[in-house]
Amino acid sequence: MESTSAPATSRIDDLFELTLVDGLPVEVDGKTIRYRSVRLRETGVAHEREAERQAERIVTINSVPRLLVSDAEFSFAMTVQHIEAFRCDGVIIHATAIDRAVVGKLSTHDLGLIEKRVFLITLAAEVRYGNISQAEFDAYVGGTAPAATASPQPEGQAPDVGADSHAAESGPALLTDFAGNDASRKTPRDRG
């Protein structure tokens, strides 16, 4: 008996529609139904502000309350903001009823699928705004990242960075490079 498998494809028919593997489990009349279809959306400033508010925490450090924002919580809250609806057999859970607790019921695999699709939605917006090319977007969708461009050396303001990258430059000389020659002639008292 021969087994044939369908060829893998990188074509996405609808960027905003995603089928989950495990689905969102919801109890209805004593039975668990799984919402396996999720509709995503682009987000705007209002969604980002809401995600930021959800990620804020007050933490007491040395008896002083501080407002902190967790990057992980912000990322999760932004993913929640991208979800427009869950669907199952014509029944829809709209965005107004979806919060972090609801999305927290997803399997880590399904959440990962949503996060990957949100990344593609963000990249599609970058194509629309002209920040990346369609070819770069297609490379990401196809599973290959486009070739990276050369980035500057992380050595700082030293002259001929790269050629003399092994030679350390002192702090005052580095500041002179950065601020200009006038900075080296002034003392802290002269600067006011």
Protein backbone atom coordinates (compact mmCIF):
# COMPACT_ATOMS: atom_id res chain seq x y z
CA MET A 1 0.00 0.00 0.00
CA GLU A 2 1.46 3.36 -1.06
CA SER A 3 1.07 6.41 1.02
CA THR A 4 1.01 9.76 -0.66
CA SER A 5 1.21 13.04 1.08
CA ALA A 6 0.02 16.36 -0.21
CA PRO A 7 2.88 18.68 -1.14
CA ALA A 8 3.57 21.43 1.34
CA THR A 9 2.47 24.80 0.12
CA SER A 10 3.19 28.31 1.26
CA ARG A 11 0.02 29.76 -0.24
CA ILE A 12 -2.35 31.42 2.20
CA ASP A 13 -5.83 31.98 0.76
CA ASP A 14 -6.95 34.46 3.43
CA LEU A 15 -4.30 36.02 5.62
CA PHE A 16 -6.89 36.93 8.27
CA GLU A 17 -8.53 33.49 8.54
CA LEU A 18 -6.75 30.70 10.45
CA THR A 19 -7.72 27.14 11.31
CA LEU A 20 -6.45 26.00 14.70
CA VAL A 21 -5.30 22.46 15.50
CA ASP A 22 -6.72 22.01 19.00
CA GLY A 23 -9.19 24.89 18.99
CA LEU A 24 -10.61 27.02 21.78
CA PRO A 25 -12.43 24.71 24.24
CA VAL A 26 -15.79 26.07 25.42
CA GLU A 27 -18.31 24.26 27.65
CA VAL A 28 -21.87 24.37 26.27
CA ASP A 29 -24.68 22.31 27.86
CA GLY A 30 -22.16 20.02 29.57
CA LYS A 31 -20.29 19.34 26.32
CA THR A 32 -16.95 20.76 25.21
CA ILE A 33 -16.97 22.28 21.77
CA ARG A 34 -13.82 23.55 20.13
CA TYR A 35 -13.77 26.73 18.12
CA ARG A 36 -11.17 25.86 15.46
CA SER A 37 -11.60 28.87 13.20
CA VAL A 38 -10.22 32.25 14.21
CA ARG A 39 -10.58 35.54 12.34
CA LEU A 40 -7.74 38.01 12.83
CA ARG A 41 -7.50 41.74 12.16
CA GLU A 42 -4.98 44.52 11.89
CA THR A 43 -4.60 46.65 14.96
CA GLY A 44 -4.24 50.37 15.46
CA VAL A 45 -3.09 52.79 18.11
CA ALA A 46 -6.16 52.22 20.28
CA HIS A 47 -5.46 48.47 20.35
CA GLU A 48 -1.82 49.10 21.29
CA ARG A 49 -2.83 51.46 24.11
CA GLU A 50 -5.29 48.89 25.45
CA ALA A 51 -2.62 46.17 25.31
CA GLU A 52 -0.22 48.47 27.15
CA ARG A 53 -2.79 49.10 29.89
CA GLN A 54 -3.35 45.35 30.23
CA ALA A 55 0.40 44.73 30.56
CA GLU A 56 0.97 47.37 33.27
CA ARG A 57 1.69 46.19 36.80
CA ILE A 58 2.39 48.11 40.00
CA VAL A 59 5.36 46.58 41.77
CA THR A 60 6.83 47.74 45.07
CA ILE A 61 10.61 48.06 44.96
CA ASN A 62 12.34 49.18 48.18
CA SER A 63 8.95 50.25 49.58
CA VAL A 64 8.33 52.49 46.55
CA PRO A 65 5.49 51.57 44.17
CA ARG A 66 6.61 51.51 40.52
CA LEU A 67 4.61 51.09 37.34
CA LEU A 68 6.16 48.39 35.15
CA VAL A 69 5.19 47.02 31.76
CA SER A 70 6.14 43.44 30.99
CA ASP A 71 7.25 42.84 27.39
CA ALA A 72 5.84 39.30 27.49
CA GLU A 73 2.47 40.49 28.83
CA PHE A 74 2.36 43.29 26.24
CA SER A 75 3.09 40.84 23.43
CA PHE A 76 0.36 38.49 24.65
CA ALA A 77 -2.12 41.37 25.05
CA MET A 78 -1.33 42.54 21.48
CA THR A 79 -1.98 39.04 20.18
CA VAL A 80 -5.37 39.11 21.94
CA GLN A 81 -6.09 42.50 20.32
CA HIS A 82 -5.47 40.96 16.87
CA ILE A 83 -8.26 38.40 17.36
CA GLU A 84 -11.54 39.52 15.83
CA ALA A 85 -13.59 36.36 16.41
CA PHE A 86 -13.58 32.62 17.07
CA ARG A 87 -16.04 30.57 14.96
CA CYS A 88 -17.57 27.12 15.25
CA ASP A 89 -20.58 25.82 13.27
CA GLY A 90 -22.01 29.28 12.70
CA VAL A 91 -21.57 30.36 16.31
CA ILE A 92 -19.27 33.34 16.75
CA ILE A 93 -17.40 34.64 19.81
CA HIS A 94 -16.78 38.31 18.98
CA ALA A 95 -13.78 40.41 20.02
CA THR A 96 -15.80 42.15 22.74
CA ALA A 97 -16.02 38.82 24.63
CA ILE A 98 -12.40 37.78 23.99
CA ASP A 99 -9.88 38.63 26.66
CA ARG A 100 -6.63 37.21 27.99
CA ALA A 101 -8.45 34.59 30.07
CA VAL A 102 -10.30 33.27 27.00
CA VAL A 103 -7.16 33.16 24.86
CA GLY A 104 -5.34 31.57 27.79
CA LYS A 105 -7.45 28.44 27.23
CA LEU A 106 -5.72 27.82 23.87
CA SER A 107 -2.98 25.25 23.53
CA THR A 108 0.53 26.64 23.21
CA HIS A 109 0.62 25.27 19.66
CA ASP A 110 -2.52 27.15 18.62
CA LEU A 111 -1.29 30.34 20.28
CA GLY A 112 1.95 29.95 18.33
CA LEU A 113 -0.02 29.60 15.08
CA ILE A 114 -1.91 32.81 15.86
CA GLU A 115 1.33 34.65 16.73
CA LYS A 116 2.95 33.53 13.45
CA ARG A 117 -0.06 34.72 11.47
CA VAL A 118 -0.09 38.05 13.33
CA PHE A 119 3.56 38.43 12.29
CA LEU A 120 2.58 37.87 8.64
CA ILE A 121 -0.27 40.39 8.94
CA THR A 122 2.22 42.93 10.29
CA LEU A 123 4.61 42.17 7.42
CA ALA A 124 1.79 42.59 4.88
CA ALA A 125 1.16 46.05 6.31
CA GLU A 126 4.87 46.81 5.87
CA VAL A 127 4.56 45.87 2.18
CA ARG A 128 1.55 48.16 1.85
CA TYR A 129 3.49 51.03 3.41
CA GLY A 130 6.53 50.36 1.20
CA ASN A 131 8.90 49.41 4.03
CA ILE A 132 9.62 45.95 2.56
CA SER A 133 9.18 44.56 -0.93
CA GLN A 134 6.65 41.97 -2.06
CA ALA A 135 9.59 39.64 -2.79
CA GLU A 136 10.77 39.92 0.84
CA PHE A 137 7.24 39.20 2.08
CA ASP A 138 6.94 36.18 -0.23
CA ALA A 139 10.29 34.91 1.08
CA TYR A 140 8.98 35.05 4.67
CA VAL A 141 5.72 33.32 3.71
CA GLY A 142 7.72 30.68 1.84
CA GLY A 143 9.73 29.94 4.96
CA THR A 144 12.99 31.55 3.91
CA ALA A 145 14.16 34.80 5.35
CA PRO A 146 15.60 37.26 2.85
CA ALA A 147 19.35 37.81 2.96
CA ALA A 148 20.33 40.11 5.79
CA THR A 149 21.92 43.41 4.94
CA ALA A 150 25.24 44.33 6.45
CA SER A 151 24.81 46.16 9.71
CA PRO A 152 27.20 48.69 11.22
CA GLN A 153 29.95 47.48 13.52
CA PRO A 154 28.96 47.70 17.20
CA GLU A 155 32.27 49.36 18.08
CA GLY A 156 31.06 52.93 18.54
CA GLN A 157 32.47 56.18 17.18
CA ALA A 158 36.07 55.01 16.70
CA PRO A 159 37.61 56.09 13.37
CA ASP A 160 38.08 53.31 10.82
CA VAL A 161 35.82 50.92 12.69
CA GLY A 162 36.59 47.40 11.62
CA ALA A 163 40.19 48.04 10.58
CA ASP A 164 41.20 48.91 14.15
CA SER A 165 38.36 47.21 15.97
CA HIS A 166 40.78 45.46 18.33
CA ALA A 167 42.14 48.79 19.59
CA ALA A 168 40.11 50.21 22.44
CA GLU A 169 39.32 53.92 22.43
CA SER A 170 39.21 55.70 25.76
CA GLY A 171 35.97 57.19 27.06
CA PRO A 172 37.03 60.87 26.72
CA ALA A 173 38.30 60.27 23.18
CA LEU A 174 35.09 58.51 22.29
CA LEU A 175 33.06 61.43 23.65
CA THR A 176 35.23 63.85 21.66
CA ASP A 177 34.52 61.84 18.51
CA PHE A 178 30.84 61.91 19.29
CA ALA A 179 30.42 65.48 20.57
CA GLY A 180 33.07 67.19 18.44
CA ASN A 181 36.38 68.79 19.33
CA ASP A 182 34.76 71.59 21.34
CA ALA A 183 33.74 69.08 24.04
CA SER A 184 37.38 68.22 24.81
CA ARG A 185 38.31 71.83 25.61
CA LYS A 186 35.58 72.41 28.19
CA THR A 187 35.83 71.29 31.78
CA PRO A 188 32.76 70.30 33.77
CA ARG A 189 32.90 73.72 35.48
CA ASP A 190 32.89 75.48 32.05
CA ARG A 191 29.82 73.52 30.94
CA GLY A 192 27.74 74.98 33.72
